[in-house]
Amino acid sequence: MTAPAPHATALTPLFVRLKLSLLRNGLRQSGGRRAAYITSAVLALLFAALQLLGLIVLRGNEHAGTLTVLLVALMAIGWTVMPLFFPSGDETLDPTRLVMLPLRPRPLVGALLAASLVGIGPLFTLCLILGSAIAVAHGPGAAVIAVLAVPLALLGCVALARAVATANTRLLTSRKGRDLAVLSGLVIAVGIQFVNFGAQRLGRTGGLSALDPVAHVVRWLPPASAIGAVDSASAGAYGRAVAQLLVAVAGLGLLLYAWQRSLVKLMTTPDGSTLQAADAARKDASGKGLVALLPEGRTGTVMLRTLRYAWRDPKTKAAWITSLAIGLIVPVFNALQGSGTVYFACFATGMLGMQMYNQFGQDTSAFWMVLLTISSTRDAYLELRARALALLLVTLPYTLLVAAVTAGMLGDWAKLPEVVGLALALLGAMLATGSVASATLAYSIPQDSRKNVAPGQGGIAFLSVLGGMAVSTLLCAPMIALAIWLHVSANHDALWLLLPLGAAYGALISWLGLKAAAPRAASRLPEILTAVSTG
């Protein structure tokens, strides 16, 4: 006989205790994790308290309604995307762990929703929503609406995270999900650039008043509509306040319904990921298409392996995509703000050139297979050269693209040849120093954690990257000095010579760097294997 499903009222305290137990047991794993959690909790609560005080001080400001509605909307967006990039931050986000238990979706939704309110994130969100409500609530009617709006907005944010996490559980537990988690740093970096760009635009267009049109729309979107209801009630528009409150209630109801439907589908549909993986393996078209254009022999094989690492390995892919995105964002955003220069295109070259550092670290313990193929300095030279060529295959057209886009946005096409020449010289210098650093200062990249450096090897990574970048700048000094001299001496007609000179200089420097790194790598193969296999 099937056991009766637990009632929701009995299930809710059980899941709350489960969440508390998970937090407590996680802190018991290590002193470092406990210290990190306590530190982050103190900082988050301190920031939440300052944020609450700031919003209370904002009370009475004419733009308080605009700012608070948009803040709650941004917080809701954060709750929406957070499970996609940090799926392992909460073990209860994976409902597949509960599939074998006799639980019905409806009481399970209520219990998980209550458990979701336990933690630093919900407390931080509560402070923001409470401060927003206080900032815009004026009069007893608005206070009554605020009492309903605050928990409604909080539940809306939490339900958003749960609905998104449940709908994407299969994705989050797959390799693509791990890719998303690793790419979280890219999202944060891009988001900071957008916030910086938006703040500067606001400063030039009259401050918060420029956001009023956006706020008029957002105040009707749940869960921000709950705070919009408080603002409307303060203005005496009680009909509009009730309508906005009903929008928030309807939004929460739709989220809970979608969450419940996703739970039913997840718990009754078999996982076909293995079949998909098998189909993908059968469709592997190695040796066809663009792969056939690679050179034969060891060079083509190593180039293909390097490019496949960049496409398939989560951490290598994250490093490449971050470099590509940030390398384009910095010059383009500065050009949009009117403070850019074509020389910022060299930043894109530098970001991608950093991928040459620690080439053997991305192999991790599998480097032993590469080690077996290297028996001489010539083999080591071919291995490093092929990896540099794979990087060059992407970096060269990318550098030209970023330089052309930046020059076009600024209307400064005359500087394009010299900038490309300097960028190519920088690329050659970074390939040279990256080769030497890979052979001398190899370190491990753990695959089962979010860290990009194994414990105890942080100093090696720091010296490899920052030291290599400093040496690369010194190696580019002759080309930089030549460019400065041509500008100072007013020989502008000769600046185009920097393009061929920079290309030739970069090729020469990279060749010399490979020649210097090859014997070092060939003599240190056991040490490199030990270093990249740590952690």
Protein backbone atom coordinates (compact mmCIF):
# COMPACT_ATOMS: atom_id res chain seq x y z
CA MET A 1 0.00 0.00 0.00
CA THR A 2 1.33 3.40 -0.98
CA ALA A 3 2.12 5.67 1.92
CA PRO A 4 -0.03 8.80 2.08
CA ALA A 5 1.65 11.99 0.99
CA PRO A 6 2.60 14.29 3.86
CA HIS A 7 0.33 17.27 4.38
CA ALA A 8 1.78 20.65 3.41
CA THR A 9 1.65 21.95 6.99
CA ALA A 10 3.70 18.97 8.18
CA LEU A 11 6.05 19.11 5.21
CA THR A 12 6.98 22.79 5.51
CA PRO A 13 8.77 22.69 8.92
CA LEU A 14 10.51 19.49 7.81
CA PHE A 15 12.01 21.22 4.76
CA VAL A 16 12.95 24.29 6.76
CA ARG A 17 14.86 22.05 9.19
CA LEU A 18 16.42 20.29 6.20
CA LYS A 19 17.66 23.62 4.83
CA LEU A 20 19.11 24.58 8.20
CA SER A 21 20.81 21.18 8.47
CA LEU A 22 22.36 21.59 5.03
CA LEU A 23 23.73 24.99 5.99
CA ARG A 24 25.06 23.70 9.30
CA ASN A 25 26.67 20.58 7.84
CA GLY A 26 28.23 22.59 5.03
CA LEU A 27 29.93 24.85 7.56
CA ARG A 28 31.31 21.83 9.40
CA GLN A 29 33.23 20.58 6.36
CA SER A 30 36.23 22.84 6.82
CA GLY A 31 37.40 25.85 8.73
CA GLY A 32 38.12 27.73 5.50
CA ARG A 33 34.59 27.28 4.24
CA ARG A 34 33.20 28.34 7.60
CA ALA A 35 35.37 31.45 7.66
CA ALA A 36 34.41 32.33 4.08
CA TYR A 37 30.71 31.90 4.83
CA ILE A 38 30.86 33.98 8.00
CA THR A 39 32.85 36.71 6.25
CA SER A 40 30.46 36.85 3.31
CA ALA A 41 27.46 36.83 5.68
CA VAL A 42 28.84 39.73 7.72
CA LEU A 43 29.65 41.75 4.60
CA ALA A 44 26.26 41.01 3.03
CA LEU A 45 24.37 41.94 6.19
CA LEU A 46 26.44 45.09 6.62
CA PHE A 47 25.71 46.12 3.05
CA ALA A 48 22.03 45.25 3.53
CA ALA A 49 21.86 47.44 6.65
CA LEU A 50 23.52 50.36 4.84
CA GLN A 51 21.20 49.83 1.92
CA LEU A 52 18.18 49.86 4.22
CA LEU A 53 19.34 53.08 5.86
CA GLY A 54 20.02 54.65 2.47
CA LEU A 55 16.55 53.86 1.23
CA ILE A 56 15.00 55.23 4.40
CA VAL A 57 16.99 58.45 3.94
CA LEU A 58 15.63 58.59 0.39
CA ARG A 59 12.11 58.93 1.82
CA GLY A 60 10.52 62.13 0.52
CA ASN A 61 12.73 62.42 -2.57
CA GLU A 62 10.78 63.07 -5.77
CA HIS A 63 12.54 60.22 -7.56
CA ALA A 64 12.18 57.69 -4.73
CA GLY A 65 9.38 55.83 -6.54
CA THR A 66 11.42 55.50 -9.72
CA LEU A 67 14.55 54.26 -7.95
CA THR A 68 12.83 51.77 -5.64
CA VAL A 69 10.74 50.18 -8.39
CA LEU A 70 13.81 49.70 -10.58
CA LEU A 71 15.87 48.35 -7.66
CA VAL A 72 13.26 45.69 -6.92
CA ALA A 73 13.08 44.83 -10.61
CA LEU A 74 16.87 44.42 -10.75
CA MET A 75 16.76 42.25 -7.65
CA ALA A 76 14.13 40.07 -9.30
CA ILE A 77 16.33 39.71 -12.39
CA GLY A 78 19.19 38.68 -10.12
CA TRP A 79 17.05 35.99 -8.50
CA THR A 80 16.01 34.80 -11.96
CA VAL A 81 19.50 34.29 -13.37
CA MET A 82 21.28 33.26 -10.16
CA PRO A 83 20.29 29.56 -10.33
CA LEU A 84 21.63 29.37 -13.89
CA PHE A 85 25.12 30.48 -12.87
CA PHE A 86 25.33 29.13 -9.32
CA PRO A 87 23.37 25.84 -9.42
CA SER A 88 25.43 24.31 -6.62
CA GLY A 89 24.84 27.21 -4.23
CA ASP A 90 21.76 25.51 -2.74
CA GLU A 91 21.38 21.72 -2.68
CA THR A 92 17.60 22.03 -2.42
CA LEU A 93 17.45 23.67 -5.87
CA ASP A 94 17.67 20.18 -7.41
CA PRO A 95 14.23 18.55 -6.96
CA THR A 96 15.42 15.33 -8.62
CA ARG A 97 16.86 14.39 -5.22
CA LEU A 98 13.25 14.02 -4.03
CA VAL A 99 11.92 11.92 -6.92
CA MET A 100 11.87 8.65 -4.97
CA LEU A 101 9.93 10.14 -2.04
CA PRO A 102 6.09 9.94 -1.90
CA LEU A 103 5.58 13.68 -2.28
CA ARG A 104 2.91 15.46 -4.28
CA PRO A 105 3.88 18.59 -6.24
CA ARG A 106 1.49 21.04 -4.55
CA PRO A 107 2.63 20.52 -0.92
CA LEU A 108 6.20 20.20 -2.18
CA VAL A 109 6.00 23.64 -3.78
CA GLY A 110 4.85 25.22 -0.51
CA ALA A 111 7.53 23.46 1.52
CA LEU A 112 10.35 24.37 -0.88
CA LEU A 113 9.13 27.96 -1.04
CA ALA A 114 9.31 28.22 2.74
CA ALA A 115 12.77 26.62 2.78
CA SER A 116 13.90 29.14 0.17
CA LEU A 117 13.28 31.95 2.63
CA VAL A 118 16.10 30.65 4.84
CA GLY A 119 19.49 32.14 4.06
CA ILE A 120 21.49 35.31 3.55
CA GLY A 121 20.06 36.00 0.09
CA PRO A 122 16.41 36.21 1.20
CA LEU A 123 17.38 38.38 4.18
CA PHE A 124 19.31 40.72 1.92
CA THR A 125 16.35 40.90 -0.46
CA LEU A 126 13.96 41.54 2.42
CA CYS A 127 16.05 44.51 3.55
CA LEU A 128 15.99 46.01 0.05
CA ILE A 129 12.23 45.51 -0.38
CA LEU A 130 11.46 46.76 3.14
CA GLY A 131 13.61 49.84 2.62
CA SER A 132 11.95 50.48 -0.74
CA ALA A 133 8.49 50.26 0.84
CA ILE A 134 9.46 52.63 3.65
CA ALA A 135 10.94 55.09 1.15
CA VAL A 136 7.68 55.46 -0.80
CA ALA A 137 5.01 54.79 1.87
CA HIS A 138 3.24 57.97 3.00
CA GLY A 139 -0.01 57.79 4.94
CA PRO A 140 -1.96 54.97 6.61
CA GLY A 141 -3.37 53.64 3.33
CA ALA A 142 0.11 53.21 1.86
CA ALA A 143 1.29 51.57 5.10
CA VAL A 144 -1.49 48.97 4.82
CA ILE A 145 -0.55 48.29 1.18
CA ALA A 146 3.13 48.03 2.19
CA VAL A 147 2.34 45.33 4.77
CA LEU A 148 0.98 43.21 1.91
CA ALA A 149 3.49 44.33 -0.73
CA VAL A 150 6.71 43.47 1.11
CA PRO A 151 6.10 39.72 1.60
CA LEU A 152 4.46 39.54 -1.83
CA ALA A 153 7.55 40.99 -3.56
CA LEU A 154 9.87 38.75 -1.54
CA LEU A 155 7.88 35.62 -2.40
CA GLY A 156 7.84 36.70 -6.04
CA CYS A 157 11.65 36.91 -6.16
CA VAL A 158 12.10 33.53 -4.46
CA ALA A 159 9.46 31.87 -6.66
CA LEU A 160 11.23 33.22 -9.75
CA ALA A 161 14.47 31.54 -8.72
CA ARG A 162 12.72 28.26 -7.91
CA ALA A 163 10.68 28.17 -11.11
CA VAL A 164 13.73 28.87 -13.28
CA ALA A 165 15.88 26.33 -11.40
CA THR A 166 13.26 23.58 -11.66
CA ALA A 167 12.58 24.24 -15.35
CA ASN A 168 16.31 24.01 -16.08
CA THR A 169 17.33 21.24 -13.67
CA ARG A 170 18.43 18.88 -16.44
CA LEU A 171 20.48 21.66 -17.99
CA LEU A 172 22.07 22.69 -14.69
CA THR A 173 23.22 19.13 -13.93
CA SER A 174 24.75 18.66 -17.40
CA ARG A 175 28.06 19.81 -18.85
CA LYS A 176 26.34 22.87 -20.33
CA GLY A 177 25.15 23.76 -16.86
CA ARG A 178 28.70 23.62 -15.56
CA ASP A 179 29.68 25.88 -18.45
CA LEU A 180 27.08 28.41 -17.31
CA ALA A 181 28.39 28.27 -13.77
CA VAL A 182 31.94 28.93 -14.91
CA LEU A 183 30.77 31.80 -17.12
CA SER A 184 29.26 33.62 -14.16
CA GLY A 185 32.35 35.79 -13.91
CA LEU A 186 31.80 36.95 -17.48
CA VAL A 187 28.22 37.94 -16.72
CA ILE A 188 29.34 39.92 -13.68
CA ALA A 189 32.09 41.66 -15.66
CA VAL A 190 29.74 42.55 -18.51
CA GLY A 191 27.09 43.68 -16.04
CA ILE A 192 29.55 46.00 -14.33
CA GLN A 193 30.40 47.56 -17.69
CA PHE A 194 26.71 48.13 -18.44
CA VAL A 195 26.12 49.65 -15.00
CA ASN A 196 29.14 51.92 -15.44
CA PHE A 197 27.95 52.95 -18.89
CA GLY A 198 24.42 53.58 -17.64
CA ALA A 199 25.62 55.63 -14.67
CA GLN A 200 27.69 57.87 -16.92
CA ARG A 201 24.80 58.33 -19.31
CA LEU A 202 22.52 59.28 -16.41
CA GLY A 203 25.03 61.85 -15.25
CA ARG A 204 24.95 63.50 -18.69
CA THR A 205 21.17 63.34 -19.20
CA GLY A 206 19.86 64.88 -16.02
CA GLY A 207 20.07 62.18 -13.35
CA LEU A 208 17.25 59.89 -12.22
CA SER A 209 14.58 61.80 -14.14
CA ALA A 210 15.81 60.03 -17.28
CA LEU A 211 14.63 56.73 -15.76
CA ASP A 212 11.05 57.85 -15.20
CA PRO A 213 9.72 56.46 -18.54
CA VAL A 214 11.24 53.05 -17.78
CA ALA A 215 9.88 53.08 -14.24
CA HIS A 216 6.35 53.82 -15.52
CA VAL A 217 6.45 50.50 -17.37
CA VAL A 218 8.31 48.47 -14.74
CA ARG A 219 5.90 49.46 -11.95
CA TRP A 220 3.28 47.29 -13.70
CA LEU A 221 5.53 44.21 -13.89
CA PRO A 222 5.60 41.75 -10.97
CA PRO A 223 7.12 41.65 -8.41
CA ALA A 224 8.14 45.33 -8.78
CA SER A 225 4.43 46.16 -9.16
CA ALA A 226 4.03 45.49 -5.42
CA ILE A 227 6.29 48.46 -4.60
CA GLY A 228 4.57 50.42 -7.35
CA ALA A 229 1.31 49.80 -5.49
CA VAL A 230 2.75 51.39 -2.33
CA ASP A 231 3.87 54.42 -4.33
CA SER A 232 0.45 54.74 -5.97
CA ALA A 233 -1.31 54.53 -2.62
CA SER A 234 0.96 57.30 -1.28
CA ALA A 235 -0.24 59.46 -4.18
CA GLY A 236 -3.87 58.74 -3.32
CA ALA A 237 -4.46 56.52 -6.39
CA TYR A 238 -5.92 53.60 -4.43
CA GLY A 239 -7.58 52.03 -7.46
CA ARG A 240 -4.28 51.88 -9.30
CA ALA A 241 -2.57 50.59 -6.14
CA VAL A 242 -5.04 47.71 -5.84
CA ALA A 243 -4.60 46.91 -9.54
CA GLN A 244 -0.80 46.81 -9.20
CA LEU A 245 -1.11 44.65 -6.10
CA LEU A 246 -3.36 42.24 -8.01
CA VAL A 247 -0.78 42.12 -10.81
CA ALA A 248 1.84 41.04 -8.26
CA VAL A 249 -0.53 38.40 -6.85
CA ALA A 250 -1.30 37.11 -10.35
CA GLY A 251 2.40 36.99 -11.20
CA LEU A 252 3.16 34.98 -8.06
CA GLY A 253 0.28 32.62 -8.84
CA LEU A 254 1.53 32.03 -12.40
CA LEU A 255 5.05 31.38 -11.12
CA LEU A 256 3.81 28.84 -8.58
CA TYR A 257 1.70 27.14 -11.25
CA ALA A 258 4.64 26.98 -13.68
CA TRP A 259 6.86 25.69 -10.90
CA GLN A 260 4.36 22.96 -10.07
CA ARG A 261 4.03 21.93 -13.73
CA SER A 262 7.83 21.76 -14.04
CA LEU A 263 7.99 19.54 -10.94
CA VAL A 264 5.42 17.15 -12.39
CA LYS A 265 7.27 16.97 -15.71
CA LEU A 266 10.65 16.55 -14.04
CA MET A 267 9.49 13.74 -11.76
CA THR A 268 7.67 11.77 -14.46
CA THR A 269 9.94 12.19 -17.53
CA PRO A 270 12.98 9.92 -18.00
CA ASP A 271 16.39 11.49 -18.47
CA GLY A 272 17.54 11.06 -22.06
CA SER A 273 20.87 12.85 -21.70
CA THR A 274 22.85 9.68 -22.31
CA LEU A 275 21.03 9.11 -25.58
CA GLN A 276 21.75 12.67 -26.63
CA ALA A 277 25.41 12.23 -25.76
CA ALA A 278 25.58 9.06 -27.82
CA ASP A 279 23.96 10.78 -30.79
CA ALA A 280 26.41 13.67 -30.50
CA ALA A 281 29.33 11.25 -30.41
CA ARG A 282 28.13 9.52 -33.57
CA LYS A 283 27.85 12.88 -35.33
CA ASP A 284 31.45 13.84 -34.56
CA ALA A 285 32.85 14.89 -37.92
CA SER A 286 36.55 14.92 -37.21
CA GLY A 287 38.58 15.39 -40.33
CA LYS A 288 35.81 17.19 -42.20
CA GLY A 289 35.01 20.82 -42.86
CA LEU A 290 37.41 23.45 -41.53
CA VAL A 291 39.43 20.79 -39.70
CA ALA A 292 40.75 19.60 -43.07
CA LEU A 293 42.42 23.01 -43.54
CA LEU A 294 44.74 22.48 -40.59
CA PRO A 295 48.31 21.41 -41.41
CA GLU A 296 49.16 17.72 -41.31
CA GLY A 297 51.31 16.02 -38.72
CA ARG A 298 51.86 17.01 -35.13
CA THR A 299 51.10 20.70 -35.72
CA GLY A 300 47.57 20.12 -37.01
CA THR A 301 46.80 17.54 -34.33
CA VAL A 302 47.90 19.81 -31.48
CA MET A 303 46.07 22.80 -32.95
CA LEU A 304 42.85 20.76 -33.21
CA ARG A 305 43.23 19.52 -29.64
CA THR A 306 43.81 23.06 -28.35
CA LEU A 307 40.78 24.42 -30.18
CA ARG A 308 38.63 21.56 -28.91
CA TYR A 309 39.73 22.31 -25.36
CA ALA A 310 38.64 25.91 -25.90
CA TRP A 311 35.24 24.71 -27.11
CA ARG A 312 34.53 21.78 -24.79
CA ASP A 313 36.36 22.27 -21.50
CA PRO A 314 34.22 24.51 -19.23
CA LYS A 315 37.04 26.48 -17.63
CA THR A 316 39.04 26.89 -20.84
CA LYS A 317 35.88 27.98 -22.64
CA ALA A 318 35.12 30.47 -19.86
CA ALA A 319 38.61 31.99 -20.13
CA TRP A 320 38.32 32.35 -23.90
CA ILE A 321 34.82 33.82 -23.90
CA THR A 322 35.67 36.21 -21.08
CA SER A 323 38.72 37.45 -22.97
CA LEU A 324 36.74 37.83 -26.20
CA ALA A 325 33.91 39.70 -24.51
CA ILE A 326 35.95 42.01 -22.28
CA GLY A 327 38.42 42.68 -25.09
CA LEU A 328 35.57 44.04 -27.20
CA ILE A 329 33.56 45.72 -24.44
CA VAL A 330 36.34 47.99 -23.14
CA PRO A 331 37.22 49.74 -26.44
CA VAL A 332 33.63 49.82 -27.71
CA PHE A 333 32.11 51.20 -24.49
CA ASN A 334 34.81 53.83 -24.20
CA ALA A 335 34.17 54.81 -27.83
CA LEU A 336 30.43 55.09 -27.11
CA GLN A 337 31.15 57.36 -24.16
CA GLY A 338 33.30 59.63 -26.33
CA SER A 339 36.44 59.04 -24.26
CA GLY A 340 37.93 56.18 -26.25
CA THR A 341 40.89 55.82 -28.56
CA VAL A 342 41.84 53.34 -31.25
CA TYR A 343 44.78 52.26 -29.10
CA PHE A 344 42.30 50.53 -26.77
CA ALA A 345 42.12 47.81 -29.42
CA CYS A 346 45.44 46.56 -28.02
CA PHE A 347 43.51 45.65 -24.87
CA ALA A 348 41.70 42.94 -26.87
CA THR A 349 45.03 41.54 -28.02
CA GLY A 350 46.36 41.49 -24.49
CA MET A 351 43.26 39.70 -23.15
CA LEU A 352 43.57 36.89 -25.69
CA GLY A 353 47.36 36.79 -25.46
CA MET A 354 47.00 35.85 -21.78
CA GLN A 355 45.56 32.50 -22.90
CA MET A 356 49.09 31.47 -23.91
CA TYR A 357 50.15 31.40 -20.26
CA ASN A 358 49.92 28.04 -18.51
CA GLN A 359 49.24 26.09 -21.70
CA PHE A 360 50.01 22.78 -20.00
CA GLY A 361 47.82 23.57 -16.99
CA GLN A 362 44.65 23.22 -19.07
CA ASP A 363 45.63 19.58 -19.77
CA THR A 364 45.57 18.82 -16.01
CA SER A 365 46.64 15.23 -15.21
CA ALA A 366 46.03 14.23 -18.85
CA PHE A 367 49.32 15.97 -19.65
CA TRP A 368 50.96 12.57 -19.26
CA MET A 369 49.69 11.70 -22.75
CA VAL A 370 51.39 14.80 -24.15
CA LEU A 371 54.52 13.95 -22.17
CA LEU A 372 54.78 10.57 -23.91
CA THR A 373 54.93 12.29 -27.31
CA ILE A 374 57.85 14.60 -26.39
CA SER A 375 61.28 13.00 -26.58
CA SER A 376 63.41 15.91 -27.75
CA THR A 377 63.68 19.67 -27.82
CA ARG A 378 62.32 19.59 -31.37
CA ASP A 379 59.14 17.85 -30.17
CA ALA A 380 58.69 20.41 -27.40
CA TYR A 381 59.17 23.22 -29.90
CA LEU A 382 56.54 21.78 -32.26
CA GLU A 383 54.11 21.30 -29.35
CA LEU A 384 54.44 24.90 -28.15
CA ARG A 385 54.41 26.30 -31.68
CA ALA A 386 51.20 24.46 -32.54
CA ARG A 387 49.50 25.80 -29.41
CA ALA A 388 50.64 29.33 -30.30
CA LEU A 389 49.32 28.90 -33.86
CA ALA A 390 45.93 27.77 -32.51
CA LEU A 391 45.79 30.92 -30.40
CA LEU A 392 46.92 33.02 -33.35
CA LEU A 393 44.16 31.52 -35.49
CA VAL A 394 41.60 33.29 -33.30
CA THR A 395 43.55 36.30 -32.04
CA LEU A 396 44.72 37.68 -35.37
CA PRO A 397 41.30 38.16 -37.02
CA TYR A 398 39.81 39.20 -33.69
CA THR A 399 42.44 41.93 -33.27
CA LEU A 400 41.75 43.23 -36.77
CA LEU A 401 38.01 43.20 -36.11
CA VAL A 402 38.19 45.08 -32.79
CA ALA A 403 40.63 47.64 -34.21
CA ALA A 404 38.42 48.23 -37.26
CA VAL A 405 35.24 48.54 -35.18
CA THR A 406 36.88 50.97 -32.75
CA ALA A 407 38.36 53.07 -35.56
CA GLY A 408 35.00 53.15 -37.33
CA MET A 409 33.12 54.22 -34.20
CA LEU A 410 35.64 57.01 -33.52
CA GLY A 411 36.06 57.95 -37.20
CA ASP A 412 39.84 57.71 -36.79
CA TRP A 413 40.84 55.39 -39.63
CA ALA A 414 44.26 57.07 -40.03
CA LYS A 415 45.53 55.43 -36.83
CA LEU A 416 44.39 51.93 -37.78
CA PRO A 417 47.71 50.73 -39.37
CA GLU A 418 49.87 51.81 -36.45
CA VAL A 419 47.46 50.38 -33.88
CA VAL A 420 47.34 47.03 -35.66
CA GLY A 421 51.14 47.03 -35.87
CA LEU A 422 51.50 47.69 -32.14
CA ALA A 423 48.87 45.03 -31.38
CA LEU A 424 50.73 42.43 -33.45
CA ALA A 425 54.00 43.28 -31.69
CA LEU A 426 52.23 42.88 -28.34
CA LEU A 427 50.75 39.56 -29.45
CA GLY A 428 54.16 38.25 -30.47
CA ALA A 429 55.63 39.32 -27.14
CA MET A 430 52.84 37.60 -25.19
CA LEU A 431 53.20 34.40 -27.20
CA ALA A 432 56.92 34.45 -26.39
CA THR A 433 56.56 35.11 -22.67
CA GLY A 434 53.57 32.74 -22.50
CA SER A 435 55.65 29.91 -23.93
CA VAL A 436 58.42 30.47 -21.39
CA ALA A 437 55.93 30.82 -18.54
CA SER A 438 54.14 27.60 -19.58
CA ALA A 439 57.39 25.68 -19.44
CA THR A 440 58.68 27.30 -16.24
CA LEU A 441 55.66 28.27 -14.11
CA ALA A 442 53.02 25.65 -14.86
CA TYR A 443 50.19 25.29 -12.32
CA SER A 444 47.07 23.19 -11.93
CA ILE A 445 43.51 24.26 -12.80
CA PRO A 446 41.08 22.22 -10.64
CA GLN A 447 38.18 20.82 -12.65
CA ASP A 448 35.86 20.02 -9.74
CA SER A 449 35.71 23.46 -8.13
CA ARG A 450 35.18 27.10 -9.04
CA LYS A 451 38.83 27.95 -8.35
CA ASN A 452 41.12 28.55 -11.31
CA VAL A 453 44.27 27.79 -9.34
CA ALA A 454 44.98 24.81 -7.10
CA PRO A 455 45.59 25.60 -3.40
CA GLY A 456 49.19 26.56 -2.75
CA GLN A 457 49.89 27.60 -6.36
CA GLY A 458 48.43 31.10 -6.25
CA GLY A 459 51.88 32.69 -6.13
CA ILE A 460 52.99 30.76 -9.21
CA ALA A 461 49.90 31.87 -11.15
CA PHE A 462 50.38 35.47 -10.03
CA LEU A 463 54.03 35.50 -11.11
CA SER A 464 53.26 33.75 -14.40
CA VAL A 465 50.55 36.13 -15.57
CA LEU A 466 51.60 39.48 -14.13
CA GLY A 467 55.31 38.84 -14.65
CA GLY A 468 54.68 37.75 -18.23
CA MET A 469 52.59 40.83 -18.95
CA ALA A 470 55.29 43.12 -17.53
CA VAL A 471 58.00 41.44 -19.62
CA SER A 472 55.77 41.59 -22.71
CA THR A 473 55.42 45.34 -22.26
CA LEU A 474 59.19 45.69 -22.02
CA LEU A 475 59.66 43.59 -25.16
CA CYS A 476 57.27 45.94 -26.99
CA ALA A 477 59.24 48.99 -25.85
CA PRO A 478 61.14 49.40 -29.16
CA MET A 479 57.91 49.54 -31.17
CA ILE A 480 56.28 51.87 -28.65
CA ALA A 481 59.34 54.14 -28.70
CA LEU A 482 59.28 54.19 -32.52
CA ALA A 483 55.60 55.15 -32.56
CA ILE A 484 56.18 57.95 -30.05
CA TRP A 485 59.18 59.25 -32.02
CA LEU A 486 57.22 59.33 -35.27
CA HIS A 487 54.45 61.30 -33.58
CA VAL A 488 56.78 63.74 -31.83
CA SER A 489 58.88 64.33 -34.92
CA ALA A 490 55.72 64.95 -37.00
CA ASN A 491 56.53 62.09 -39.40
CA HIS A 492 52.87 61.13 -39.64
CA ASP A 493 53.25 59.94 -43.23
CA ALA A 494 55.58 57.18 -42.01
CA LEU A 495 53.26 55.84 -39.30
CA TRP A 496 51.88 53.17 -41.64
CA LEU A 497 55.32 51.51 -41.46
CA LEU A 498 54.41 50.38 -37.95
CA LEU A 499 52.06 47.78 -39.46
CA PRO A 500 54.68 45.70 -41.33
CA LEU A 501 57.34 46.42 -38.73
CA GLY A 502 55.03 45.37 -35.90
CA ALA A 503 54.06 42.16 -37.69
CA ALA A 504 57.70 41.27 -38.40
CA TYR A 505 58.82 42.20 -34.88
CA GLY A 506 56.01 40.16 -33.30
CA ALA A 507 56.86 37.13 -35.44
CA LEU A 508 60.55 37.40 -34.54
CA ILE A 509 59.91 37.79 -30.81
CA SER A 510 57.46 34.86 -30.70
CA TRP A 511 59.94 32.64 -32.58
CA LEU A 512 62.73 33.52 -30.17
CA GLY A 513 60.42 32.87 -27.21
CA LEU A 514 59.47 29.44 -28.55
CA LYS A 515 63.12 28.60 -29.13
CA ALA A 516 63.95 29.62 -25.55
CA ALA A 517 61.01 27.74 -24.04
CA ALA A 518 61.41 24.45 -25.94
CA PRO A 519 64.55 23.13 -24.19
CA ARG A 520 63.17 24.26 -20.85
CA ALA A 521 59.92 22.35 -21.43
CA ALA A 522 61.72 19.23 -22.69
CA SER A 523 63.92 19.08 -19.58
CA ARG A 524 61.11 19.72 -17.09
CA LEU A 525 58.39 17.31 -18.27
CA PRO A 526 58.13 15.39 -14.95
CA GLU A 527 58.01 18.63 -12.96
CA ILE A 528 55.34 20.06 -15.28
CA LEU A 529 53.24 16.89 -14.92
CA THR A 530 53.47 17.10 -11.13
CA ALA A 531 52.56 20.80 -11.13
CA VAL A 532 49.50 20.47 -13.40
CA SER A 533 48.23 17.35 -11.58
CA THR A 534 48.09 19.02 -8.17
CA GLY A 535 44.67 19.53 -6.57
